[in-house]
Amino acid sequence: MEFEKEKRDLDKLYSEHKNEEEVFMKHVWDEYENKKKNLEKFVEAKFKKLSGIYGNCEVKYDEYFQNFKIKINKYDVFEKINPQEIEKFKLKYSVKEINLF
């Protein structure tokens, strides 16, 4: 999956239809939700690979800010990871924040 292209497509689909008077037409909404879920799963897999986390990890895409938010279990803390690697990851994959729950 080419992340940048997929994310651009997702953001474009959202911006093209967000101002319509009616809610997204069903087929457009289904396509949008499918693309969004695929990107969330992709970012989750990349984060788990980087961090070594095997437990729960929740990735959500924020349409308004066009970025991702990641929540991880507080017992799966990734202290071993170099902070620069986390920052590179956040920039590369448009991740705004990583929170513990």
N, C-alpha and C. Protein backbone atom coordinates (compact mmCIF):
# COMPACT_ATOMS: atom_id res chain seq x y z
N MET A 1 0.86 -1.18 0.00
CA MET A 1 0.00 0.00 0.00
C MET A 1 0.90 1.24 0.00
N GLU A 2 0.63 2.16 -0.90
CA GLU A 2 1.34 3.41 -0.92
C GLU A 2 0.57 4.39 -0.04
N PHE A 3 1.08 4.60 1.16
CA PHE A 3 0.37 5.36 2.18
C PHE A 3 -0.01 6.76 1.71
N GLU A 4 0.93 7.51 1.17
CA GLU A 4 0.67 8.89 0.80
C GLU A 4 -0.47 9.00 -0.21
N LYS A 5 -0.46 8.13 -1.22
CA LYS A 5 -1.50 8.16 -2.25
C LYS A 5 -2.86 7.81 -1.65
N GLU A 6 -2.90 6.76 -0.84
CA GLU A 6 -4.16 6.34 -0.22
C GLU A 6 -4.73 7.44 0.68
N LYS A 7 -3.87 8.09 1.46
CA LYS A 7 -4.33 9.16 2.35
C LYS A 7 -4.84 10.35 1.54
N ARG A 8 -4.13 10.72 0.47
CA ARG A 8 -4.59 11.81 -0.40
C ARG A 8 -5.96 11.50 -0.98
N ASP A 9 -6.14 10.24 -1.45
CA ASP A 9 -7.43 9.83 -2.01
C ASP A 9 -8.54 9.94 -0.97
N LEU A 10 -8.24 9.51 0.25
CA LEU A 10 -9.23 9.58 1.33
C LEU A 10 -9.61 11.02 1.63
N ASP A 11 -8.61 11.87 1.78
CA ASP A 11 -8.87 13.29 2.08
C ASP A 11 -9.62 13.97 0.94
N LYS A 12 -9.27 13.62 -0.29
CA LYS A 12 -9.94 14.20 -1.46
C LYS A 12 -11.41 13.78 -1.49
N LEU A 13 -11.66 12.50 -1.25
CA LEU A 13 -13.03 11.99 -1.25
C LEU A 13 -13.87 12.72 -0.20
N TYR A 14 -13.29 12.91 0.97
CA TYR A 14 -14.00 13.62 2.05
C TYR A 14 -14.26 15.07 1.66
N SER A 15 -13.24 15.76 1.18
CA SER A 15 -13.41 17.18 0.88
C SER A 15 -14.34 17.42 -0.30
N GLU A 16 -14.39 16.51 -1.25
CA GLU A 16 -15.29 16.67 -2.39
C GLU A 16 -16.75 16.58 -2.00
N HIS A 17 -17.05 15.83 -0.96
CA HIS A 17 -18.45 15.56 -0.61
C HIS A 17 -18.90 16.13 0.73
N LYS A 18 -18.00 16.71 1.51
CA LYS A 18 -18.39 17.16 2.85
C LYS A 18 -19.35 18.34 2.82
N ASN A 19 -19.34 19.12 1.77
CA ASN A 19 -20.19 20.31 1.71
C ASN A 19 -21.52 20.10 1.00
N GLU A 20 -21.77 18.88 0.61
CA GLU A 20 -23.04 18.60 -0.05
C GLU A 20 -24.18 18.77 0.95
N GLU A 21 -25.32 19.19 0.43
CA GLU A 21 -26.47 19.41 1.32
C GLU A 21 -26.92 18.11 1.96
N GLU A 22 -26.90 17.04 1.18
CA GLU A 22 -27.29 15.75 1.73
C GLU A 22 -26.05 15.07 2.30
N VAL A 23 -26.28 14.15 3.19
CA VAL A 23 -25.19 13.36 3.72
C VAL A 23 -24.60 12.58 2.55
N PHE A 24 -23.33 12.16 2.70
CA PHE A 24 -22.71 11.37 1.64
C PHE A 24 -23.71 10.39 1.03
N MET A 25 -23.69 10.26 -0.26
CA MET A 25 -24.50 9.21 -0.88
C MET A 25 -23.96 7.88 -0.36
N LYS A 26 -24.82 6.91 -0.25
CA LYS A 26 -24.42 5.65 0.38
C LYS A 26 -23.19 5.03 -0.26
N HIS A 27 -23.10 4.97 -1.57
CA HIS A 27 -21.95 4.32 -2.19
C HIS A 27 -20.66 5.10 -1.95
N VAL A 28 -20.76 6.43 -1.88
CA VAL A 28 -19.58 7.25 -1.59
C VAL A 28 -19.17 7.04 -0.14
N TRP A 29 -20.15 7.02 0.75
CA TRP A 29 -19.85 6.83 2.17
C TRP A 29 -19.21 5.46 2.40
N ASP A 30 -19.73 4.42 1.76
CA ASP A 30 -19.16 3.07 1.91
C ASP A 30 -17.71 3.04 1.42
N GLU A 31 -17.45 3.68 0.29
CA GLU A 31 -16.09 3.73 -0.24
C GLU A 31 -15.18 4.48 0.72
N TYR A 32 -15.66 5.59 1.25
CA TYR A 32 -14.88 6.39 2.18
C TYR A 32 -14.56 5.59 3.45
N GLU A 33 -15.56 4.96 4.03
CA GLU A 33 -15.36 4.19 5.26
C GLU A 33 -14.38 3.03 5.03
N ASN A 34 -14.47 2.38 3.88
CA ASN A 34 -13.58 1.28 3.56
C ASN A 34 -12.13 1.77 3.46
N LYS A 35 -11.92 2.87 2.76
CA LYS A 35 -10.57 3.44 2.63
C LYS A 35 -10.04 3.85 4.01
N LYS A 36 -10.90 4.47 4.82
CA LYS A 36 -10.49 4.92 6.15
C LYS A 36 -10.07 3.73 7.02
N LYS A 37 -10.87 2.67 7.02
CA LYS A 37 -10.54 1.48 7.83
C LYS A 37 -9.24 0.84 7.37
N ASN A 38 -9.03 0.78 6.05
CA ASN A 38 -7.79 0.21 5.53
C ASN A 38 -6.58 1.02 5.97
N LEU A 39 -6.69 2.34 5.92
CA LEU A 39 -5.58 3.19 6.37
C LEU A 39 -5.34 3.05 7.87
N GLU A 40 -6.40 2.96 8.65
CA GLU A 40 -6.25 2.79 10.09
C GLU A 40 -5.53 1.48 10.40
N LYS A 41 -5.91 0.41 9.71
CA LYS A 41 -5.26 -0.88 9.91
C LYS A 41 -3.79 -0.84 9.48
N PHE A 42 -3.52 -0.14 8.38
CA PHE A 42 -2.16 -0.02 7.88
C PHE A 42 -1.27 0.71 8.90
N VAL A 43 -1.74 1.85 9.41
CA VAL A 43 -0.98 2.63 10.39
C VAL A 43 -0.80 1.81 11.67
N GLU A 44 -1.84 1.09 12.08
CA GLU A 44 -1.75 0.25 13.28
C GLU A 44 -0.67 -0.81 13.10
N ALA A 45 -0.65 -1.48 11.97
CA ALA A 45 0.35 -2.52 11.71
C ALA A 45 1.76 -1.94 11.71
N LYS A 46 1.94 -0.79 11.09
CA LYS A 46 3.25 -0.14 11.05
C LYS A 46 3.69 0.27 12.45
N PHE A 47 2.76 0.79 13.25
CA PHE A 47 3.10 1.21 14.61
C PHE A 47 3.47 0.01 15.47
N LYS A 48 2.68 -1.07 15.36
CA LYS A 48 2.99 -2.27 16.14
C LYS A 48 4.35 -2.83 15.76
N LYS A 49 4.69 -2.78 14.49
CA LYS A 49 5.99 -3.28 14.04
C LYS A 49 7.11 -2.42 14.63
N LEU A 50 6.94 -1.11 14.59
CA LEU A 50 7.95 -0.19 15.11
C LEU A 50 8.11 -0.35 16.62
N SER A 51 6.99 -0.43 17.34
CA SER A 51 7.01 -0.40 18.79
C SER A 51 7.17 -1.77 19.44
N GLY A 52 6.90 -2.82 18.70
CA GLY A 52 6.97 -4.15 19.29
C GLY A 52 5.76 -4.48 20.15
N ILE A 53 4.71 -3.69 20.06
CA ILE A 53 3.49 -3.91 20.84
C ILE A 53 2.70 -5.05 20.21
N TYR A 54 2.29 -6.00 21.05
CA TYR A 54 1.48 -7.12 20.56
C TYR A 54 0.05 -7.03 21.07
N GLY A 55 -0.19 -6.16 22.03
CA GLY A 55 -1.52 -6.03 22.62
C GLY A 55 -2.43 -5.12 21.82
N ASN A 56 -3.42 -4.59 22.52
CA ASN A 56 -4.39 -3.72 21.88
C ASN A 56 -3.77 -2.37 21.51
N CYS A 57 -4.17 -1.91 20.35
CA CYS A 57 -3.73 -0.63 19.84
C CYS A 57 -4.89 -0.09 19.02
N GLU A 58 -5.35 1.09 19.33
CA GLU A 58 -6.50 1.66 18.62
C GLU A 58 -6.05 2.85 17.79
N VAL A 59 -6.32 2.78 16.50
CA VAL A 59 -5.97 3.86 15.58
C VAL A 59 -7.26 4.44 15.01
N LYS A 60 -7.41 5.74 15.14
CA LYS A 60 -8.60 6.43 14.60
C LYS A 60 -8.14 7.58 13.71
N TYR A 61 -8.86 7.76 12.60
CA TYR A 61 -8.56 8.84 11.68
C TYR A 61 -9.50 10.00 11.96
N ASP A 62 -8.96 11.20 12.07
CA ASP A 62 -9.73 12.41 12.31
C ASP A 62 -9.89 13.15 10.98
N GLU A 63 -11.10 13.14 10.44
CA GLU A 63 -11.34 13.75 9.13
C GLU A 63 -11.10 15.26 9.14
N TYR A 64 -11.48 15.89 10.22
CA TYR A 64 -11.36 17.35 10.29
C TYR A 64 -9.90 17.79 10.23
N PHE A 65 -9.05 17.15 11.03
CA PHE A 65 -7.63 17.52 11.07
C PHE A 65 -6.79 16.72 10.08
N GLN A 66 -7.38 15.71 9.48
CA GLN A 66 -6.73 14.84 8.51
C GLN A 66 -5.44 14.23 9.07
N ASN A 67 -5.59 13.64 10.27
CA ASN A 67 -4.48 12.93 10.87
C ASN A 67 -5.00 11.78 11.73
N PHE A 68 -4.07 10.98 12.22
CA PHE A 68 -4.42 9.80 13.00
C PHE A 68 -4.13 10.04 14.48
N LYS A 69 -4.87 9.34 15.31
CA LYS A 69 -4.62 9.33 16.75
C LYS A 69 -4.51 7.86 17.14
N ILE A 70 -3.50 7.57 17.96
CA ILE A 70 -3.25 6.19 18.39
C ILE A 70 -3.40 6.11 19.90
N LYS A 71 -4.12 5.09 20.34
CA LYS A 71 -4.23 4.81 21.77
C LYS A 71 -3.67 3.41 22.00
N ILE A 72 -2.81 3.30 23.01
CA ILE A 72 -2.25 1.98 23.36
C ILE A 72 -2.49 1.71 24.83
N ASN A 73 -2.52 0.44 25.17
CA ASN A 73 -2.71 0.02 26.54
C ASN A 73 -1.51 0.46 27.37
N LYS A 74 -1.76 1.00 28.56
CA LYS A 74 -0.67 1.50 29.40
C LYS A 74 0.31 0.40 29.80
N TYR A 75 -0.11 -0.86 29.70
CA TYR A 75 0.78 -1.96 30.04
C TYR A 75 1.69 -2.34 28.88
N ASP A 76 1.42 -1.79 27.72
CA ASP A 76 2.23 -2.05 26.53
C ASP A 76 3.14 -0.87 26.21
N VAL A 77 3.63 -0.18 27.24
CA VAL A 77 4.41 1.02 27.03
C VAL A 77 5.65 0.70 26.20
N PHE A 78 5.98 1.62 25.31
CA PHE A 78 7.06 1.39 24.37
C PHE A 78 8.32 2.17 24.76
N GLU A 79 8.77 2.02 25.99
CA GLU A 79 9.91 2.79 26.50
C GLU A 79 11.20 2.46 25.76
N LYS A 80 11.30 1.28 25.20
CA LYS A 80 12.53 0.86 24.55
C LYS A 80 12.75 1.58 23.22
N ILE A 81 11.74 2.20 22.70
CA ILE A 81 11.83 2.80 21.38
C ILE A 81 12.49 4.17 21.48
N ASN A 82 13.35 4.43 20.54
CA ASN A 82 14.03 5.71 20.44
C ASN A 82 12.97 6.80 20.16
N PRO A 83 12.94 7.87 20.95
CA PRO A 83 11.95 8.94 20.73
C PRO A 83 12.02 9.55 19.33
N GLN A 84 13.22 9.59 18.76
CA GLN A 84 13.33 10.12 17.39
C GLN A 84 12.60 9.24 16.39
N GLU A 85 12.61 7.93 16.64
CA GLU A 85 11.89 7.00 15.76
C GLU A 85 10.38 7.25 15.83
N ILE A 86 9.90 7.51 17.04
CA ILE A 86 8.47 7.81 17.21
C ILE A 86 8.13 9.11 16.47
N GLU A 87 8.96 10.12 16.59
CA GLU A 87 8.70 11.39 15.91
C GLU A 87 8.72 11.22 14.39
N LYS A 88 9.67 10.44 13.88
CA LYS A 88 9.72 10.17 12.43
C LYS A 88 8.44 9.47 11.98
N PHE A 89 8.00 8.49 12.78
CA PHE A 89 6.78 7.76 12.47
C PHE A 89 5.58 8.71 12.43
N LYS A 90 5.49 9.58 13.44
CA LYS A 90 4.37 10.52 13.51
C LYS A 90 4.34 11.44 12.29
N LEU A 91 5.50 11.88 11.85
CA LEU A 91 5.55 12.75 10.67
C LEU A 91 5.20 11.98 9.40
N LYS A 92 5.78 10.81 9.25
CA LYS A 92 5.59 10.03 8.03
C LYS A 92 4.13 9.61 7.84
N TYR A 93 3.47 9.22 8.93
CA TYR A 93 2.11 8.68 8.83
C TYR A 93 1.04 9.64 9.37
N SER A 94 1.33 10.91 9.47
CA SER A 94 0.35 11.93 9.88
C SER A 94 -0.33 11.57 11.20
N VAL A 95 0.46 11.19 12.18
CA VAL A 95 -0.08 10.85 13.51
C VAL A 95 0.06 12.08 14.39
N LYS A 96 -1.07 12.53 14.91
CA LYS A 96 -1.05 13.73 15.75
C LYS A 96 -0.62 13.39 17.17
N GLU A 97 -1.16 12.31 17.71
CA GLU A 97 -0.86 11.98 19.10
C GLU A 97 -0.90 10.49 19.34
N ILE A 98 -0.14 10.10 20.37
CA ILE A 98 -0.13 8.71 20.84
C ILE A 98 -0.42 8.78 22.33
N ASN A 99 -1.53 8.18 22.74
CA ASN A 99 -1.97 8.24 24.14
C ASN A 99 -2.04 6.85 24.76
N LEU A 100 -1.86 6.81 26.07
CA LEU A 100 -2.03 5.57 26.83
C LEU A 100 -3.44 5.53 27.39
N PHE A 101 -4.01 4.33 27.47
CA PHE A 101 -5.31 4.18 28.13
C PHE A 101 -5.26 3.03 29.09
